[in-house]
Amino acid sequence: MPVCKGCKEEADELMIVKVHGKKKKLCEECAEIAAEEAEIAEMSEDAIRGMMGYKGKW
C-alpha cells in the first residue's frame, strides 16, 4: 500500500499535487487541505498587494 507524504498513513490511492512548487503524493484528504491552504495564501497575497497599491503582476 502506498503511504501519503502528508499524514504518513497508508492510502488506497494517492494524488500528485504541487505544494509550494514541489510535487507530492498525497491522499485525497491531504490534497484537499493543500488546495485550501494554497487558496488562502493566494487571497492573502492579493490583500497585501491591495494594501500596498500594487497594480502589476508578481
PDB file of N, CA and C in Angstrom:
ATOM      1  N   MET A   1       0.835  -1.185   0.000  1.00  0.00           N
ATOM      2  CA  MET A   1       0.000   0.000   0.000  1.00  0.00           C
ATOM      3  C   MET A   1       0.881   1.251   0.000  1.00  0.00           C
ATOM      4  N   PRO A   2       0.519   2.227  -0.820  1.00  0.00           N
ATOM      5  CA  PRO A   2       1.279   3.485  -0.832  1.00  0.00           C
ATOM      6  C   PRO A   2       1.024   4.306   0.433  1.00  0.00           C
ATOM      7  N   VAL A   3       2.007   5.118   0.799  1.00  0.00           N
ATOM      8  CA  VAL A   3       1.920   5.936   2.010  1.00  0.00           C
ATOM      9  C   VAL A   3       1.843   7.412   1.613  1.00  0.00           C
ATOM     10  N   CYS A   4       0.909   8.131   2.217  1.00  0.00           N
ATOM     11  CA  CYS A   4       0.717   9.559   1.972  1.00  0.00           C
ATOM     12  C   CYS A   4       1.878  10.339   2.592  1.00  0.00           C
ATOM     13  N   LYS A   5       2.422  11.303   1.843  1.00  0.00           N
ATOM     14  CA  LYS A   5       3.530  12.121   2.351  1.00  0.00           C
ATOM     15  C   LYS A   5       3.058  13.168   3.352  1.00  0.00           C
ATOM     16  N   GLY A   6       1.740  13.452   3.392  1.00  0.00           N
ATOM     17  CA  GLY A   6       1.215  14.465   4.304  1.00  0.00           C
ATOM     18  C   GLY A   6       0.927  13.914   5.688  1.00  0.00           C
ATOM     19  N   CYS A   7       0.123  12.851   5.738  1.00  0.00           N
ATOM     20  CA  CYS A   7      -0.296  12.314   7.038  1.00  0.00           C
ATOM     21  C   CYS A   7       0.454  11.037   7.421  1.00  0.00           C
ATOM     22  N   LYS A   8       1.294  10.542   6.535  1.00  0.00           N
ATOM     23  CA  LYS A   8       2.116   9.341   6.770  1.00  0.00           C
ATOM     24  C   LYS A   8       1.282   8.080   6.996  1.00  0.00           C
ATOM     25  N   GLU A   9       0.054   8.058   6.484  1.00  0.00           N
ATOM     26  CA  GLU A   9      -0.795   6.882   6.617  1.00  0.00           C
ATOM     27  C   GLU A   9      -0.935   6.191   5.273  1.00  0.00           C
ATOM     28  N   GLU A  10      -1.259   4.908   5.311  1.00  0.00           N
ATOM     29  CA  GLU A  10      -1.465   4.165   4.081  1.00  0.00           C
ATOM     30  C   GLU A  10      -2.777   4.589   3.435  1.00  0.00           C
ATOM     31  N   ALA A  11      -2.773   4.642   2.103  1.00  0.00           N
ATOM     32  CA  ALA A  11      -3.967   5.040   1.368  1.00  0.00           C
ATOM     33  C   ALA A  11      -4.141   4.107   0.173  1.00  0.00           C
ATOM     34  N   ASP A  12      -5.388   3.942  -0.253  1.00  0.00           N
ATOM     35  CA  ASP A  12      -5.663   3.109  -1.414  1.00  0.00           C
ATOM     36  C   ASP A  12      -5.142   3.767  -2.688  1.00  0.00           C
ATOM     37  N   GLU A  13      -5.293   5.085  -2.760  1.00  0.00           N
ATOM     38  CA  GLU A  13      -4.926   5.813  -3.965  1.00  0.00           C
ATOM     39  C   GLU A  13      -4.302   7.154  -3.574  1.00  0.00           C
ATOM     40  N   LEU A  14      -3.228   7.526  -4.244  1.00  0.00           N
ATOM     41  CA  LEU A  14      -2.571   8.799  -3.980  1.00  0.00           C
ATOM     42  C   LEU A  14      -2.712   9.719  -5.185  1.00  0.00           C
ATOM     43  N   MET A  15      -2.770  11.014  -4.912  1.00  0.00           N
ATOM     44  CA  MET A  15      -2.867  12.022  -5.958  1.00  0.00           C
ATOM     45  C   MET A  15      -1.557  12.803  -5.968  1.00  0.00           C
ATOM     46  N   ILE A  16      -1.079  13.179  -7.150  1.00  0.00           N
ATOM     47  CA  ILE A  16       0.119  14.005  -7.240  1.00  0.00           C
ATOM     48  C   ILE A  16      -0.326  15.458  -7.268  1.00  0.00           C
ATOM     49  N   VAL A  17       0.134  16.227  -6.273  1.00  0.00           N
ATOM     50  CA  VAL A  17      -0.286  17.613  -6.095  1.00  0.00           C
ATOM     51  C   VAL A  17       0.954  18.480  -5.952  1.00  0.00           C
ATOM     52  N   LYS A  18       0.921  19.681  -6.540  1.00  0.00           N
ATOM     53  CA  LYS A  18       2.029  20.624  -6.360  1.00  0.00           C
ATOM     54  C   LYS A  18       1.791  21.426  -5.089  1.00  0.00           C
ATOM     55  N   VAL A  19       2.757  21.378  -4.176  1.00  0.00           N
ATOM     56  CA  VAL A  19       2.695  22.114  -2.924  1.00  0.00           C
ATOM     57  C   VAL A  19       3.954  22.963  -2.839  1.00  0.00           C
ATOM     58  N   HIS A  20       3.797  24.275  -2.857  1.00  0.00           N
ATOM     59  CA  HIS A  20       4.922  25.217  -2.807  1.00  0.00           C
ATOM     60  C   HIS A  20       5.926  24.926  -3.922  1.00  0.00           C
ATOM     61  N   GLY A  21       5.420  24.586  -5.105  1.00  0.00           N
ATOM     62  CA  GLY A  21       6.274  24.356  -6.265  1.00  0.00           C
ATOM     63  C   GLY A  21       6.881  22.967  -6.351  1.00  0.00           C
ATOM     64  N   LYS A  22       6.590  22.101  -5.392  1.00  0.00           N
ATOM     65  CA  LYS A  22       7.128  20.740  -5.401  1.00  0.00           C
ATOM     66  C   LYS A  22       5.980  19.750  -5.518  1.00  0.00           C
ATOM     67  N   LYS A  23       6.201  18.677  -6.276  1.00  0.00           N
ATOM     68  CA  LYS A  23       5.176  17.657  -6.430  1.00  0.00           C
ATOM     69  C   LYS A  23       5.233  16.686  -5.261  1.00  0.00           C
ATOM     70  N   LYS A  24       4.065  16.396  -4.678  1.00  0.00           N
ATOM     71  CA  LYS A  24       3.975  15.451  -3.568  1.00  0.00           C
ATOM     72  C   LYS A  24       2.843  14.480  -3.838  1.00  0.00           C
ATOM     73  N   LYS A  25       2.999  13.266  -3.362  1.00  0.00           N
ATOM     74  CA  LYS A  25       1.944  12.263  -3.473  1.00  0.00           C
ATOM     75  C   LYS A  25       1.159  12.273  -2.173  1.00  0.00           C
ATOM     76  N   LEU A  26      -0.117  12.727  -2.275  1.00  0.00           N
ATOM     77  CA  LEU A  26      -0.961  12.873  -1.092  1.00  0.00           C
ATOM     78  C   LEU A  26      -2.252  12.093  -1.259  1.00  0.00           C
ATOM     79  N   CYS A  27      -2.836  11.701  -0.132  1.00  0.00           N
ATOM     80  CA  CYS A  27      -4.156  11.076  -0.163  1.00  0.00           C
ATOM     81  C   CYS A  27      -5.185  12.167  -0.493  1.00  0.00           C
ATOM     82  N   GLU A  28      -6.398  11.761  -0.764  1.00  0.00           N
ATOM     83  CA  GLU A  28      -7.429  12.707  -1.192  1.00  0.00           C
ATOM     84  C   GLU A  28      -7.687  13.780  -0.139  1.00  0.00           C
ATOM     85  N   GLU A  29      -7.727  13.404   1.123  1.00  0.00           N
ATOM     86  CA  GLU A  29      -7.992  14.358   2.207  1.00  0.00           C
ATOM     87  C   GLU A  29      -6.873  15.386   2.330  1.00  0.00           C
ATOM     88  N   CYS A  30      -5.625  14.938   2.290  1.00  0.00           N
ATOM     89  CA  CYS A  30      -4.486  15.856   2.384  1.00  0.00           C
ATOM     90  C   CYS A  30      -4.412  16.753   1.153  1.00  0.00           C
ATOM     91  N   ALA A  31      -4.797  16.237  -0.018  1.00  0.00           N
ATOM     92  CA  ALA A  31      -4.795  17.033  -1.241  1.00  0.00           C
ATOM     93  C   ALA A  31      -5.811  18.167  -1.131  1.00  0.00           C
ATOM     94  N   GLU A  32      -6.970  17.899  -0.553  1.00  0.00           N
ATOM     95  CA  GLU A  32      -7.982  18.940  -0.350  1.00  0.00           C
ATOM     96  C   GLU A  32      -7.470  20.014   0.608  1.00  0.00           C
ATOM     97  N   ILE A  33      -6.820  19.599   1.668  1.00  0.00           N
ATOM     98  CA  ILE A  33      -6.268  20.544   2.646  1.00  0.00           C
ATOM     99  C   ILE A  33      -5.204  21.409   1.987  1.00  0.00           C
ATOM    100  N   ALA A  34      -4.335  20.810   1.171  1.00  0.00           N
ATOM    101  CA  ALA A  34      -3.282  21.558   0.483  1.00  0.00           C
ATOM    102  C   ALA A  34      -3.891  22.576  -0.477  1.00  0.00           C
ATOM    103  N   ALA A  35      -4.972  22.199  -1.171  1.00  0.00           N
ATOM    104  CA  ALA A  35      -5.630  23.119  -2.104  1.00  0.00           C
ATOM    105  C   ALA A  35      -6.235  24.298  -1.345  1.00  0.00           C
ATOM    106  N   GLU A  36      -6.850  24.037  -0.189  1.00  0.00           N
ATOM    107  CA  GLU A  36      -7.427  25.111   0.623  1.00  0.00           C
ATOM    108  C   GLU A  36      -6.341  26.058   1.130  1.00  0.00           C
ATOM    109  N   GLU A  37      -5.216  25.502   1.568  1.00  0.00           N
ATOM    110  CA  GLU A  37      -4.119  26.327   2.062  1.00  0.00           C
ATOM    111  C   GLU A  37      -3.553  27.195   0.943  1.00  0.00           C
ATOM    112  N   ALA A  38      -3.452  26.647  -0.262  1.00  0.00           N
ATOM    113  CA  ALA A  38      -2.951  27.423  -1.402  1.00  0.00           C
ATOM    114  C   ALA A  38      -3.906  28.563  -1.737  1.00  0.00           C
ATOM    115  N   GLU A  39      -5.205  28.300  -1.656  1.00  0.00           N
ATOM    116  CA  GLU A  39      -6.211  29.334  -1.934  1.00  0.00           C
ATOM    117  C   GLU A  39      -6.136  30.454  -0.897  1.00  0.00           C
ATOM    118  N   ILE A  40      -5.974  30.093   0.358  1.00  0.00           N
ATOM    119  CA  ILE A  40      -5.862  31.090   1.430  1.00  0.00           C
ATOM    120  C   ILE A  40      -4.598  31.928   1.236  1.00  0.00           C
ATOM    121  N   ALA A  41      -3.492  31.294   0.864  1.00  0.00           N
ATOM    122  CA  ALA A  41      -2.242  32.021   0.641  1.00  0.00           C
ATOM    123  C   ALA A  41      -2.390  33.003  -0.516  1.00  0.00           C
ATOM    124  N   GLU A  42      -3.078  32.593  -1.579  1.00  0.00           N
ATOM    125  CA  GLU A  42      -3.287  33.477  -2.726  1.00  0.00           C
ATOM    126  C   GLU A  42      -4.145  34.677  -2.332  1.00  0.00           C
ATOM    127  N   MET A  43      -5.205  34.446  -1.561  1.00  0.00           N
ATOM    128  CA  MET A  43      -6.064  35.540  -1.116  1.00  0.00           C
ATOM    129  C   MET A  43      -5.287  36.494  -0.218  1.00  0.00           C
ATOM    130  N   SER A  44      -4.412  35.954   0.608  1.00  0.00           N
ATOM    131  CA  SER A  44      -3.582  36.769   1.493  1.00  0.00           C
ATOM    132  C   SER A  44      -2.641  37.661   0.686  1.00  0.00           C
ATOM    133  N   GLU A  45      -2.013  37.084  -0.342  1.00  0.00           N
ATOM    134  CA  GLU A  45      -1.118  37.866  -1.188  1.00  0.00           C
ATOM    135  C   GLU A  45      -1.875  38.983  -1.893  1.00  0.00           C
ATOM    136  N   ASP A  46      -3.089  38.678  -2.373  1.00  0.00           N
ATOM    137  CA  ASP A  46      -3.902  39.696  -3.037  1.00  0.00           C
ATOM    138  C   ASP A  46      -4.253  40.831  -2.078  1.00  0.00           C
ATOM    139  N   ALA A  47      -4.540  40.503  -0.824  1.00  0.00           N
ATOM    140  CA  ALA A  47      -4.867  41.524   0.165  1.00  0.00           C
ATOM    141  C   ALA A  47      -3.664  42.427   0.426  1.00  0.00           C
ATOM    142  N   ILE A  48      -2.484  41.833   0.526  1.00  0.00           N
ATOM    143  CA  ILE A  48      -1.258  42.609   0.751  1.00  0.00           C
ATOM    144  C   ILE A  48      -1.008  43.529  -0.437  1.00  0.00           C
ATOM    145  N   ARG A  49      -1.163  42.996  -1.658  1.00  0.00           N
ATOM    146  CA  ARG A  49      -0.971  43.816  -2.856  1.00  0.00           C
ATOM    147  C   ARG A  49      -1.951  44.984  -2.870  1.00  0.00           C
ATOM    148  N   GLY A  50      -3.191  44.729  -2.464  1.00  0.00           N
ATOM    149  CA  GLY A  50      -4.199  45.785  -2.415  1.00  0.00           C
ATOM    150  C   GLY A  50      -3.827  46.869  -1.422  1.00  0.00           C
ATOM    151  N   MET A  51      -3.321  46.479  -0.262  1.00  0.00           N
ATOM    152  CA  MET A  51      -2.929  47.457   0.746  1.00  0.00           C
ATOM    153  C   MET A  51      -1.746  48.300   0.284  1.00  0.00           C
ATOM    154  N   MET A  52      -0.849  47.670  -0.482  1.00  0.00           N
ATOM    155  CA  MET A  52       0.339  48.372  -0.946  1.00  0.00           C
ATOM    156  C   MET A  52       0.061  49.181  -2.213  1.00  0.00           C
ATOM    157  N   GLY A  53      -1.079  48.959  -2.824  1.00  0.00           N
ATOM    158  CA  GLY A  53      -1.428  49.693  -4.041  1.00  0.00           C
ATOM    159  C   GLY A  53      -0.694  49.185  -5.260  1.00  0.00           C
ATOM    160  N   TYR A  54      -0.236  47.921  -5.231  1.00  0.00           N
ATOM    161  CA  TYR A  54       0.497  47.351  -6.348  1.00  0.00           C
ATOM    162  C   TYR A  54      -0.471  47.033  -7.485  1.00  0.00           C
ATOM    163  N   LYS A  55      -0.191  47.517  -8.679  1.00  0.00           N
ATOM    164  CA  LYS A  55      -1.092  47.342  -9.815  1.00  0.00           C
ATOM    165  C   LYS A  55      -0.641  46.255 -10.784  1.00  0.00           C
ATOM    166  N   GLY A  56       0.626  45.872 -10.778  1.00  0.00           N
ATOM    167  CA  GLY A  56       1.158  44.891 -11.742  1.00  0.00           C
ATOM    168  C   GLY A  56       1.047  43.466 -11.234  1.00  0.00           C
ATOM    169  N   LYS A  57       1.686  42.544 -11.938  1.00  0.00           N
ATOM    170  CA  LYS A  57       1.711  41.146 -11.540  1.00  0.00           C
ATOM    171  C   LYS A  57       3.042  40.808 -10.917  1.00  0.00           C
ATOM    172  N   TRP A  58       3.061  39.796 -10.080  1.00  0.00           N
ATOM    173  CA  TRP A  58       4.307  39.338  -9.451  1.00  0.00           C
ATOM    174  C   TRP A  58       5.040  38.485 -10.401  1.00  0.00           C
TER     175      TRP A  58
END
